[in-house]
Amino acid sequence: MNNKQFIAELAKRMGYTAQDTQKMMYQVIDAMADSFLEGNSVGVLNFGSFEVKKKMERIIVNPTTGQRMLVPPKLTLGFKISPVWKDKLKNGGTD
């Protein structure tokens, strides 16, 4: 399902226009992004949680040249699925 299909399905289920639904989705995503930039986690009930994680600096080796390089620290976004969905997916989508 692509973004356009997702917005259309959500609009149909909620009874709003696709344009209004798209605006709402962008507002939710912007609020989540602001929270991530502050270093906070965002949890969605019965879906999962998004968490900002810091990866430490590390040394890697180029396998071709053998040259060692330092990779600087960076922030990444991780997702942990809720146990409800984890069980559903483990059982092939059945309850």
C-alpha atoms as a PDB file:
ATOM      1  CA  MET A   1       0.000   0.000   0.000  1.00  0.00           C
ATOM      2  CA  ASN A   2       1.492   3.321  -0.995  1.00  0.00           C
ATOM      3  CA  ASN A   3       0.884   6.719   0.632  1.00  0.00           C
ATOM      4  CA  LYS A   4      -1.975   7.706  -1.685  1.00  0.00           C
ATOM      5  CA  GLN A   5      -3.803   4.419  -1.095  1.00  0.00           C
ATOM      6  CA  PHE A   6      -3.253   4.668   2.659  1.00  0.00           C
ATOM      7  CA  ILE A   7      -4.675   8.209   2.779  1.00  0.00           C
ATOM      8  CA  ALA A   8      -7.696   7.162   0.674  1.00  0.00           C
ATOM      9  CA  GLU A   9      -8.439   4.165   2.935  1.00  0.00           C
ATOM     10  CA  LEU A  10      -8.024   6.219   6.099  1.00  0.00           C
ATOM     11  CA  ALA A  11     -10.281   8.976   4.713  1.00  0.00           C
ATOM     12  CA  LYS A  12     -12.946   6.407   3.854  1.00  0.00           C
ATOM     13  CA  ARG A  13     -12.821   4.870   7.342  1.00  0.00           C
ATOM     14  CA  MET A  14     -12.878   8.221   9.141  1.00  0.00           C
ATOM     15  CA  GLY A  15     -15.436   9.945   6.928  1.00  0.00           C
ATOM     16  CA  TYR A  16     -13.205  12.875   5.988  1.00  0.00           C
ATOM     17  CA  THR A  17     -12.006  14.047   2.606  1.00  0.00           C
ATOM     18  CA  ALA A  18      -8.677  12.740   1.362  1.00  0.00           C
ATOM     19  CA  GLN A  19      -7.259  16.266   1.500  1.00  0.00           C
ATOM     20  CA  ASP A  20      -8.264  16.755   5.159  1.00  0.00           C
ATOM     21  CA  THR A  21      -6.953  13.313   6.063  1.00  0.00           C
ATOM     22  CA  GLN A  22      -3.630  14.046   4.380  1.00  0.00           C
ATOM     23  CA  LYS A  23      -3.313  17.309   6.342  1.00  0.00           C
ATOM     24  CA  MET A  24      -4.019  15.441   9.588  1.00  0.00           C
ATOM     25  CA  MET A  25      -1.418  12.789   8.771  1.00  0.00           C
ATOM     26  CA  TYR A  26       1.198  15.452   8.032  1.00  0.00           C
ATOM     27  CA  GLN A  27       0.398  17.134  11.361  1.00  0.00           C
ATOM     28  CA  VAL A  28       0.864  13.826  13.214  1.00  0.00           C
ATOM     29  CA  ILE A  29       4.142  13.149  11.424  1.00  0.00           C
ATOM     30  CA  ASP A  30       5.399  16.683  12.126  1.00  0.00           C
ATOM     31  CA  ALA A  31       4.563  16.317  15.828  1.00  0.00           C
ATOM     32  CA  MET A  32       6.385  12.974  15.932  1.00  0.00           C
ATOM     33  CA  ALA A  33       9.411  14.479  14.159  1.00  0.00           C
ATOM     34  CA  ASP A  34       9.553  17.347  16.668  1.00  0.00           C
ATOM     35  CA  SER A  35       9.506  14.830  19.486  1.00  0.00           C
ATOM     36  CA  PHE A  36      12.317  12.800  17.882  1.00  0.00           C
ATOM     37  CA  LEU A  37      14.442  15.935  17.461  1.00  0.00           C
ATOM     38  CA  GLU A  38      14.063  16.563  21.194  1.00  0.00           C
ATOM     39  CA  GLY A  39      15.276  13.005  21.845  1.00  0.00           C
ATOM     40  CA  ASN A  40      11.924  11.686  23.066  1.00  0.00           C
ATOM     41  CA  SER A  41      10.271   8.382  22.240  1.00  0.00           C
ATOM     42  CA  VAL A  42       6.807   8.135  20.713  1.00  0.00           C
ATOM     43  CA  GLY A  43       4.508   5.235  21.547  1.00  0.00           C
ATOM     44  CA  VAL A  44       1.383   4.323  19.602  1.00  0.00           C
ATOM     45  CA  LEU A  45      -0.976   2.179  21.651  1.00  0.00           C
ATOM     46  CA  ASN A  46      -1.315  -1.414  20.350  1.00  0.00           C
ATOM     47  CA  PHE A  47       1.086  -0.663  17.476  1.00  0.00           C
ATOM     48  CA  GLY A  48       4.575  -0.044  18.787  1.00  0.00           C
ATOM     49  CA  SER A  49       7.058   2.600  19.847  1.00  0.00           C
ATOM     50  CA  PHE A  50       9.605   4.692  18.008  1.00  0.00           C
ATOM     51  CA  GLU A  51      12.791   5.473  19.880  1.00  0.00           C
ATOM     52  CA  VAL A  52      15.779   7.692  19.100  1.00  0.00           C
ATOM     53  CA  LYS A  53      18.986   5.755  19.723  1.00  0.00           C
ATOM     54  CA  LYS A  54      22.550   7.000  19.746  1.00  0.00           C
ATOM     55  CA  LYS A  55      25.119   4.897  17.953  1.00  0.00           C
ATOM     56  CA  MET A  56      28.605   5.333  19.352  1.00  0.00           C
ATOM     57  CA  GLU A  57      31.588   6.085  17.176  1.00  0.00           C
ATOM     58  CA  ARG A  58      33.344   3.023  15.856  1.00  0.00           C
ATOM     59  CA  ILE A  59      36.234   1.935  13.701  1.00  0.00           C
ATOM     60  CA  ILE A  60      35.554   0.068  10.473  1.00  0.00           C
ATOM     61  CA  VAL A  61      37.962  -1.603   8.076  1.00  0.00           C
ATOM     62  CA  ASN A  62      37.657  -1.346   4.304  1.00  0.00           C
ATOM     63  CA  PRO A  63      37.922  -5.012   3.201  1.00  0.00           C
ATOM     64  CA  THR A  64      39.523  -4.136  -0.127  1.00  0.00           C
ATOM     65  CA  THR A  65      42.282  -1.799   1.046  1.00  0.00           C
ATOM     66  CA  GLY A  66      42.522  -2.777   4.706  1.00  0.00           C
ATOM     67  CA  GLN A  67      42.304   0.920   5.601  1.00  0.00           C
ATOM     68  CA  ARG A  68      40.815   1.700   9.006  1.00  0.00           C
ATOM     69  CA  MET A  69      38.279   4.514   9.225  1.00  0.00           C
ATOM     70  CA  LEU A  70      36.489   6.188  12.116  1.00  0.00           C
ATOM     71  CA  VAL A  71      32.705   6.400  11.783  1.00  0.00           C
ATOM     72  CA  PRO A  72      31.393   9.327  13.849  1.00  0.00           C
ATOM     73  CA  PRO A  73      28.541   8.904  16.349  1.00  0.00           C
ATOM     74  CA  LYS A  74      25.029   9.376  14.999  1.00  0.00           C
ATOM     75  CA  LEU A  75      21.385   9.242  16.002  1.00  0.00           C
ATOM     76  CA  THR A  76      19.099   6.597  14.516  1.00  0.00           C
ATOM     77  CA  LEU A  77      15.404   5.911  14.792  1.00  0.00           C
ATOM     78  CA  GLY A  78      14.356   2.478  15.984  1.00  0.00           C
ATOM     79  CA  PHE A  79      10.951   0.826  16.091  1.00  0.00           C
ATOM     80  CA  LYS A  80       9.773  -1.813  18.541  1.00  0.00           C
ATOM     81  CA  ILE A  81       6.531  -3.549  17.607  1.00  0.00           C
ATOM     82  CA  SER A  82       3.897  -4.052  20.300  1.00  0.00           C
ATOM     83  CA  PRO A  83       3.448  -7.556  21.712  1.00  0.00           C
ATOM     84  CA  VAL A  84      -0.113  -7.617  20.315  1.00  0.00           C
ATOM     85  CA  TRP A  85       1.076  -7.217  16.717  1.00  0.00           C
ATOM     86  CA  LYS A  86       4.118  -9.389  17.285  1.00  0.00           C
ATOM     87  CA  ASP A  87       1.840 -12.284  18.270  1.00  0.00           C
ATOM     88  CA  LYS A  88      -0.535 -11.637  15.364  1.00  0.00           C
ATOM     89  CA  LEU A  89       2.303 -11.701  12.845  1.00  0.00           C
ATOM     90  CA  LYS A  90       3.821 -14.784  14.454  1.00  0.00           C
ATOM     91  CA  ASN A  91       0.496 -16.592  14.027  1.00  0.00           C
ATOM     92  CA  GLY A  92       0.205 -15.647  10.358  1.00  0.00           C
ATOM     93  CA  GLY A  93      -2.242 -12.768  10.871  1.00  0.00           C
ATOM     94  CA  THR A  94      -4.889 -14.748  12.727  1.00  0.00           C
ATOM     95  CA  ASP A  95      -5.880 -13.920  16.302  1.00  0.00           C
END
